Amino acid sequence: MFGEKEDPKPTTTGTVQPAKATDGTAAPPERDLVYAKAAVSDLFARGGADTSLPWENPQTGARGTVTPVAAPYSHEGFTCRDFRASYLRDGSEAWLQGEACRLHKGKWEVKSMRPLQPS
């Protein structure tokens, strides 16, 4: 009621746990990365320069977003882009970095994707 002292100890009422940061050294399972890589290809195929695109693996519940982080550049005759991807699963959070290039027939393909190393 109004005017009563609040209990200083909060009450926990749900099963949602706060996200735990991972140490970033272990790569997520490939079954989850397949969805993140598909989102990267889709994002760049749409010409997404300054936008993020969400992804989710409905079988595992893993999800995140992919975001371009630099302007396109040429590498071995192909147009390439760097990106970052978030990875959330089972209350853990990680960040990945990678490179995708537009290869044969204009299709974007992820060339590398690894845990983001602290700078």
N, C-alpha and C. Protein backbone atom coordinates (compact mmCIF):
# COMPACT_ATOMS: atom_id res chain seq x y z
N MET A 1 0.82 -1.18 0.00
CA MET A 1 0.00 0.00 0.00
C MET A 1 0.86 1.24 0.00
N PHE A 2 0.26 2.34 -0.41
CA PHE A 2 0.95 3.61 -0.44
C PHE A 2 1.38 4.01 0.96
N GLY A 3 2.61 4.45 1.09
CA GLY A 3 3.11 4.89 2.38
C GLY A 3 3.79 3.80 3.18
N GLU A 4 3.64 2.54 2.75
CA GLU A 4 4.31 1.46 3.46
C GLU A 4 5.74 1.34 2.97
N LYS A 5 6.61 0.85 3.80
CA LYS A 5 8.00 0.64 3.45
C LYS A 5 8.12 -0.50 2.45
N GLU A 6 8.95 -0.29 1.44
CA GLU A 6 9.17 -1.36 0.46
C GLU A 6 10.12 -2.39 1.01
N ASP A 7 9.88 -3.63 0.65
CA ASP A 7 10.78 -4.71 1.02
C ASP A 7 12.06 -4.53 0.20
N PRO A 8 13.24 -4.39 0.83
CA PRO A 8 14.47 -4.16 0.07
C PRO A 8 14.91 -5.36 -0.75
N LYS A 9 14.37 -6.53 -0.47
CA LYS A 9 14.74 -7.73 -1.22
C LYS A 9 13.70 -7.96 -2.31
N PRO A 10 14.10 -7.88 -3.62
CA PRO A 10 13.12 -8.09 -4.70
C PRO A 10 12.64 -9.53 -4.73
N THR A 11 11.42 -9.71 -5.19
CA THR A 11 10.82 -11.03 -5.30
C THR A 11 11.02 -11.54 -6.72
N THR A 12 11.49 -12.75 -6.84
CA THR A 12 11.66 -13.37 -8.14
C THR A 12 10.41 -14.17 -8.44
N THR A 13 9.80 -13.90 -9.61
CA THR A 13 8.55 -14.58 -9.93
C THR A 13 8.57 -15.36 -11.22
N GLY A 14 9.64 -15.30 -11.98
CA GLY A 14 9.65 -15.97 -13.27
C GLY A 14 10.82 -16.92 -13.40
N THR A 15 10.90 -17.54 -14.57
CA THR A 15 11.99 -18.47 -14.84
C THR A 15 13.00 -17.88 -15.81
N VAL A 16 12.83 -16.64 -16.22
CA VAL A 16 13.75 -16.00 -17.15
C VAL A 16 15.02 -15.64 -16.39
N GLN A 17 16.13 -16.11 -16.87
CA GLN A 17 17.41 -15.82 -16.25
C GLN A 17 18.10 -14.69 -17.01
N PRO A 18 18.89 -13.85 -16.32
CA PRO A 18 19.61 -12.82 -17.04
C PRO A 18 20.64 -13.44 -17.98
N ALA A 19 20.92 -12.76 -19.08
CA ALA A 19 21.89 -13.26 -20.05
C ALA A 19 23.28 -13.31 -19.43
N LYS A 20 23.98 -14.39 -19.71
CA LYS A 20 25.35 -14.53 -19.25
C LYS A 20 26.26 -14.30 -20.44
N ALA A 21 27.28 -13.51 -20.24
CA ALA A 21 28.25 -13.28 -21.31
C ALA A 21 29.18 -14.48 -21.37
N THR A 22 29.47 -14.94 -22.56
CA THR A 22 30.42 -16.04 -22.70
C THR A 22 31.81 -15.44 -22.81
N ASP A 23 32.81 -16.28 -22.72
CA ASP A 23 34.17 -15.76 -22.83
C ASP A 23 34.56 -15.52 -24.28
N GLY A 24 33.69 -15.89 -25.23
CA GLY A 24 33.93 -15.59 -26.64
C GLY A 24 34.93 -16.49 -27.32
N THR A 25 35.40 -17.53 -26.66
CA THR A 25 36.43 -18.36 -27.28
C THR A 25 35.85 -19.55 -28.02
N ALA A 26 34.66 -20.00 -27.65
CA ALA A 26 34.06 -21.15 -28.30
C ALA A 26 33.09 -20.69 -29.38
N ALA A 27 33.20 -21.30 -30.54
CA ALA A 27 32.29 -20.97 -31.63
C ALA A 27 30.95 -21.66 -31.39
N PRO A 28 29.86 -20.98 -31.73
CA PRO A 28 28.54 -21.62 -31.63
C PRO A 28 28.45 -22.83 -32.56
N PRO A 29 27.52 -23.74 -32.30
CA PRO A 29 27.37 -24.92 -33.14
C PRO A 29 26.97 -24.54 -34.58
N GLU A 30 27.45 -25.32 -35.52
CA GLU A 30 27.17 -25.05 -36.93
C GLU A 30 25.68 -25.05 -37.22
N ARG A 31 24.89 -25.87 -36.51
CA ARG A 31 23.44 -25.91 -36.76
C ARG A 31 22.79 -24.56 -36.48
N ASP A 32 23.38 -23.74 -35.62
CA ASP A 32 22.89 -22.38 -35.38
C ASP A 32 23.49 -21.40 -36.38
N LEU A 33 24.78 -21.59 -36.68
CA LEU A 33 25.46 -20.67 -37.60
C LEU A 33 24.87 -20.71 -39.01
N VAL A 34 24.28 -21.83 -39.39
CA VAL A 34 23.65 -21.93 -40.72
C VAL A 34 22.60 -20.82 -40.87
N TYR A 35 21.83 -20.57 -39.82
CA TYR A 35 20.79 -19.54 -39.87
C TYR A 35 21.40 -18.14 -39.88
N ALA A 36 22.45 -17.93 -39.11
CA ALA A 36 23.12 -16.63 -39.11
C ALA A 36 23.74 -16.35 -40.47
N LYS A 37 24.37 -17.35 -41.06
CA LYS A 37 24.99 -17.18 -42.38
C LYS A 37 23.94 -16.89 -43.45
N ALA A 38 22.80 -17.54 -43.37
CA ALA A 38 21.72 -17.27 -44.33
C ALA A 38 21.24 -15.83 -44.20
N ALA A 39 21.19 -15.32 -42.96
CA ALA A 39 20.78 -13.93 -42.75
C ALA A 39 21.81 -12.96 -43.34
N VAL A 40 23.10 -13.29 -43.21
CA VAL A 40 24.15 -12.45 -43.81
C VAL A 40 23.96 -12.38 -45.31
N SER A 41 23.79 -13.53 -45.95
CA SER A 41 23.60 -13.56 -47.41
C SER A 41 22.38 -12.76 -47.82
N ASP A 42 21.29 -12.92 -47.09
CA ASP A 42 20.05 -12.20 -47.38
C ASP A 42 20.23 -10.70 -47.21
N LEU A 43 20.88 -10.30 -46.12
CA LEU A 43 21.09 -8.88 -45.85
C LEU A 43 21.88 -8.21 -46.97
N PHE A 44 22.99 -8.83 -47.37
CA PHE A 44 23.82 -8.21 -48.41
C PHE A 44 23.16 -8.30 -49.78
N ALA A 45 22.41 -9.35 -50.06
CA ALA A 45 21.70 -9.46 -51.33
C ALA A 45 20.66 -8.35 -51.47
N ARG A 46 20.07 -7.94 -50.35
CA ARG A 46 19.10 -6.85 -50.35
C ARG A 46 19.76 -5.48 -50.43
N GLY A 47 21.09 -5.45 -50.29
CA GLY A 47 21.79 -4.18 -50.31
C GLY A 47 21.78 -3.47 -48.97
N GLY A 48 21.58 -4.22 -47.90
CA GLY A 48 21.50 -3.64 -46.57
C GLY A 48 22.83 -3.06 -46.13
N ALA A 49 23.01 -1.75 -46.29
CA ALA A 49 24.26 -1.10 -45.94
C ALA A 49 24.30 -0.67 -44.48
N ASP A 50 23.22 -0.11 -44.00
CA ASP A 50 23.21 0.46 -42.65
C ASP A 50 22.08 -0.11 -41.81
N THR A 51 21.84 -1.39 -41.93
CA THR A 51 20.73 -1.99 -41.22
C THR A 51 21.15 -3.34 -40.65
N SER A 52 20.41 -3.83 -39.69
CA SER A 52 20.64 -5.16 -39.13
C SER A 52 19.49 -6.06 -39.55
N LEU A 53 19.76 -7.35 -39.58
CA LEU A 53 18.73 -8.32 -39.94
C LEU A 53 18.72 -9.41 -38.86
N PRO A 54 17.56 -9.69 -38.28
CA PRO A 54 17.50 -10.75 -37.26
C PRO A 54 17.54 -12.14 -37.89
N TRP A 55 17.98 -13.10 -37.10
CA TRP A 55 17.96 -14.51 -37.50
C TRP A 55 17.56 -15.34 -36.28
N GLU A 56 17.05 -16.54 -36.55
CA GLU A 56 16.67 -17.44 -35.46
C GLU A 56 16.66 -18.88 -35.95
N ASN A 57 17.14 -19.79 -35.12
CA ASN A 57 17.04 -21.21 -35.38
C ASN A 57 15.86 -21.72 -34.55
N PRO A 58 14.73 -22.04 -35.18
CA PRO A 58 13.55 -22.46 -34.42
C PRO A 58 13.74 -23.79 -33.69
N GLN A 59 14.68 -24.63 -34.13
CA GLN A 59 14.89 -25.91 -33.45
C GLN A 59 15.63 -25.75 -32.12
N THR A 60 16.58 -24.81 -32.05
CA THR A 60 17.39 -24.68 -30.83
C THR A 60 17.03 -23.44 -30.01
N GLY A 61 16.32 -22.50 -30.61
CA GLY A 61 16.00 -21.25 -29.93
C GLY A 61 17.10 -20.22 -30.01
N ALA A 62 18.22 -20.56 -30.64
CA ALA A 62 19.30 -19.58 -30.82
C ALA A 62 18.82 -18.47 -31.73
N ARG A 63 19.28 -17.24 -31.46
CA ARG A 63 18.87 -16.11 -32.28
C ARG A 63 19.91 -15.02 -32.19
N GLY A 64 19.72 -14.00 -33.01
CA GLY A 64 20.62 -12.86 -32.99
C GLY A 64 20.33 -11.93 -34.15
N THR A 65 21.28 -11.07 -34.44
CA THR A 65 21.19 -10.18 -35.58
C THR A 65 22.53 -10.17 -36.30
N VAL A 66 22.50 -9.80 -37.57
CA VAL A 66 23.73 -9.57 -38.34
C VAL A 66 23.71 -8.13 -38.82
N THR A 67 24.89 -7.50 -38.78
CA THR A 67 25.02 -6.08 -39.11
C THR A 67 26.30 -5.84 -39.88
N PRO A 68 26.23 -5.15 -41.03
CA PRO A 68 27.46 -4.79 -41.74
C PRO A 68 28.25 -3.78 -40.91
N VAL A 69 29.58 -3.85 -40.97
CA VAL A 69 30.39 -2.94 -40.16
C VAL A 69 31.36 -2.09 -40.98
N ALA A 70 31.43 -2.30 -42.26
CA ALA A 70 32.36 -1.52 -43.08
C ALA A 70 31.83 -1.44 -44.51
N ALA A 71 32.39 -0.53 -45.25
CA ALA A 71 32.02 -0.37 -46.65
C ALA A 71 32.49 -1.58 -47.46
N PRO A 72 31.84 -1.86 -48.56
CA PRO A 72 32.30 -2.97 -49.42
C PRO A 72 33.72 -2.72 -49.89
N TYR A 73 34.45 -3.80 -50.14
CA TYR A 73 35.81 -3.71 -50.66
C TYR A 73 36.04 -4.86 -51.62
N SER A 74 37.08 -4.76 -52.42
CA SER A 74 37.40 -5.79 -53.39
C SER A 74 38.47 -6.71 -52.82
N HIS A 75 38.23 -8.02 -52.95
CA HIS A 75 39.18 -9.03 -52.48
C HIS A 75 39.24 -10.14 -53.52
N GLU A 76 40.40 -10.30 -54.15
CA GLU A 76 40.60 -11.32 -55.19
C GLU A 76 39.55 -11.21 -56.29
N GLY A 77 39.18 -9.99 -56.63
CA GLY A 77 38.25 -9.75 -57.72
C GLY A 77 36.78 -9.84 -57.34
N PHE A 78 36.48 -10.08 -56.08
CA PHE A 78 35.09 -10.17 -55.61
C PHE A 78 34.79 -9.01 -54.66
N THR A 79 33.52 -8.60 -54.63
CA THR A 79 33.08 -7.59 -53.67
C THR A 79 32.81 -8.29 -52.34
N CYS A 80 33.38 -7.74 -51.27
CA CYS A 80 33.24 -8.36 -49.95
C CYS A 80 32.78 -7.32 -48.93
N ARG A 81 32.22 -7.81 -47.82
CA ARG A 81 31.77 -6.98 -46.70
C ARG A 81 32.13 -7.67 -45.40
N ASP A 82 32.48 -6.87 -44.41
CA ASP A 82 32.68 -7.39 -43.05
C ASP A 82 31.38 -7.21 -42.28
N PHE A 83 31.15 -8.05 -41.30
CA PHE A 83 29.92 -7.97 -40.50
C PHE A 83 30.18 -8.44 -39.08
N ARG A 84 29.25 -8.12 -38.22
CA ARG A 84 29.21 -8.64 -36.85
C ARG A 84 27.87 -9.35 -36.69
N ALA A 85 27.85 -10.37 -35.87
CA ALA A 85 26.60 -11.10 -35.59
C ALA A 85 26.51 -11.33 -34.09
N SER A 86 25.32 -11.11 -33.56
CA SER A 86 25.09 -11.46 -32.17
C SER A 86 24.57 -12.89 -32.13
N TYR A 87 24.81 -13.56 -31.00
CA TYR A 87 24.39 -14.94 -30.82
C TYR A 87 23.86 -15.09 -29.39
N LEU A 88 22.56 -15.39 -29.27
CA LEU A 88 21.91 -15.56 -27.98
C LEU A 88 21.30 -16.96 -27.91
N ARG A 89 21.64 -17.68 -26.84
CA ARG A 89 21.06 -19.02 -26.67
C ARG A 89 21.21 -19.45 -25.21
N ASP A 90 20.14 -19.98 -24.67
CA ASP A 90 20.14 -20.52 -23.30
C ASP A 90 20.70 -19.54 -22.28
N GLY A 91 20.37 -18.27 -22.43
CA GLY A 91 20.82 -17.27 -21.48
C GLY A 91 22.25 -16.79 -21.67
N SER A 92 22.93 -17.28 -22.69
CA SER A 92 24.30 -16.84 -22.99
C SER A 92 24.29 -15.91 -24.19
N GLU A 93 25.27 -15.02 -24.21
CA GLU A 93 25.39 -14.05 -25.30
C GLU A 93 26.82 -14.05 -25.80
N ALA A 94 26.99 -13.99 -27.12
CA ALA A 94 28.32 -13.91 -27.72
C ALA A 94 28.24 -13.04 -28.96
N TRP A 95 29.39 -12.58 -29.41
CA TRP A 95 29.48 -11.81 -30.65
C TRP A 95 30.44 -12.50 -31.60
N LEU A 96 30.10 -12.47 -32.87
CA LEU A 96 30.91 -13.07 -33.92
C LEU A 96 31.29 -11.99 -34.92
N GLN A 97 32.39 -12.20 -35.60
CA GLN A 97 32.80 -11.31 -36.68
C GLN A 97 33.05 -12.16 -37.92
N GLY A 98 32.86 -11.56 -39.08
CA GLY A 98 33.05 -12.35 -40.28
C GLY A 98 33.19 -11.52 -41.53
N GLU A 99 33.35 -12.25 -42.62
CA GLU A 99 33.49 -11.66 -43.95
C GLU A 99 32.62 -12.45 -44.91
N ALA A 100 31.91 -11.72 -45.76
CA ALA A 100 31.11 -12.35 -46.81
C ALA A 100 31.50 -11.71 -48.13
N CYS A 101 31.47 -12.52 -49.20
CA CYS A 101 31.82 -12.01 -50.53
C CYS A 101 30.75 -12.41 -51.53
N ARG A 102 30.54 -11.53 -52.52
CA ARG A 102 29.61 -11.84 -53.60
C ARG A 102 30.39 -12.62 -54.65
N LEU A 103 30.09 -13.90 -54.74
CA LEU A 103 30.85 -14.80 -55.61
C LEU A 103 30.11 -15.03 -56.92
N HIS A 104 30.19 -16.22 -57.39
CA HIS A 104 29.63 -16.60 -58.68
C HIS A 104 28.13 -16.34 -58.75
N LYS A 105 27.70 -15.82 -59.86
CA LYS A 105 26.29 -15.52 -60.12
C LYS A 105 25.72 -14.50 -59.13
N GLY A 106 26.59 -13.71 -58.52
CA GLY A 106 26.15 -12.64 -57.64
C GLY A 106 25.67 -13.07 -56.28
N LYS A 107 25.83 -14.34 -55.91
CA LYS A 107 25.36 -14.84 -54.61
C LYS A 107 26.40 -14.51 -53.52
N TRP A 108 25.89 -13.98 -52.40
CA TRP A 108 26.75 -13.68 -51.26
C TRP A 108 27.01 -14.95 -50.46
N GLU A 109 28.27 -15.16 -50.08
CA GLU A 109 28.65 -16.34 -49.32
C GLU A 109 29.54 -15.92 -48.16
N VAL A 110 29.27 -16.45 -46.98
CA VAL A 110 30.10 -16.16 -45.82
C VAL A 110 31.41 -16.92 -45.97
N LYS A 111 32.50 -16.18 -45.97
CA LYS A 111 33.83 -16.78 -46.12
C LYS A 111 34.45 -17.12 -44.77
N SER A 112 34.12 -16.33 -43.74
CA SER A 112 34.62 -16.62 -42.40
C SER A 112 33.64 -16.08 -41.38
N MET A 113 33.56 -16.76 -40.23
CA MET A 113 32.74 -16.33 -39.12
C MET A 113 33.32 -16.96 -37.86
N ARG A 114 33.78 -16.12 -36.95
CA ARG A 114 34.46 -16.61 -35.76
C ARG A 114 34.12 -15.73 -34.57
N PRO A 115 34.38 -16.20 -33.35
CA PRO A 115 34.11 -15.37 -32.18
C PRO A 115 34.87 -14.06 -32.26
N LEU A 116 34.22 -12.98 -31.89
CA LEU A 116 34.83 -11.65 -31.90
C LEU A 116 35.90 -11.60 -30.82
N GLN A 117 37.08 -11.22 -31.20
CA GLN A 117 38.18 -11.11 -30.26
C GLN A 117 38.23 -9.70 -29.67
N PRO A 118 38.39 -9.58 -28.37
CA PRO A 118 38.45 -8.24 -27.77
C PRO A 118 39.61 -7.45 -28.35
N SER A 119 39.39 -6.15 -28.51
CA SER A 119 40.47 -5.32 -29.08
C SER A 119 41.30 -4.68 -28.02
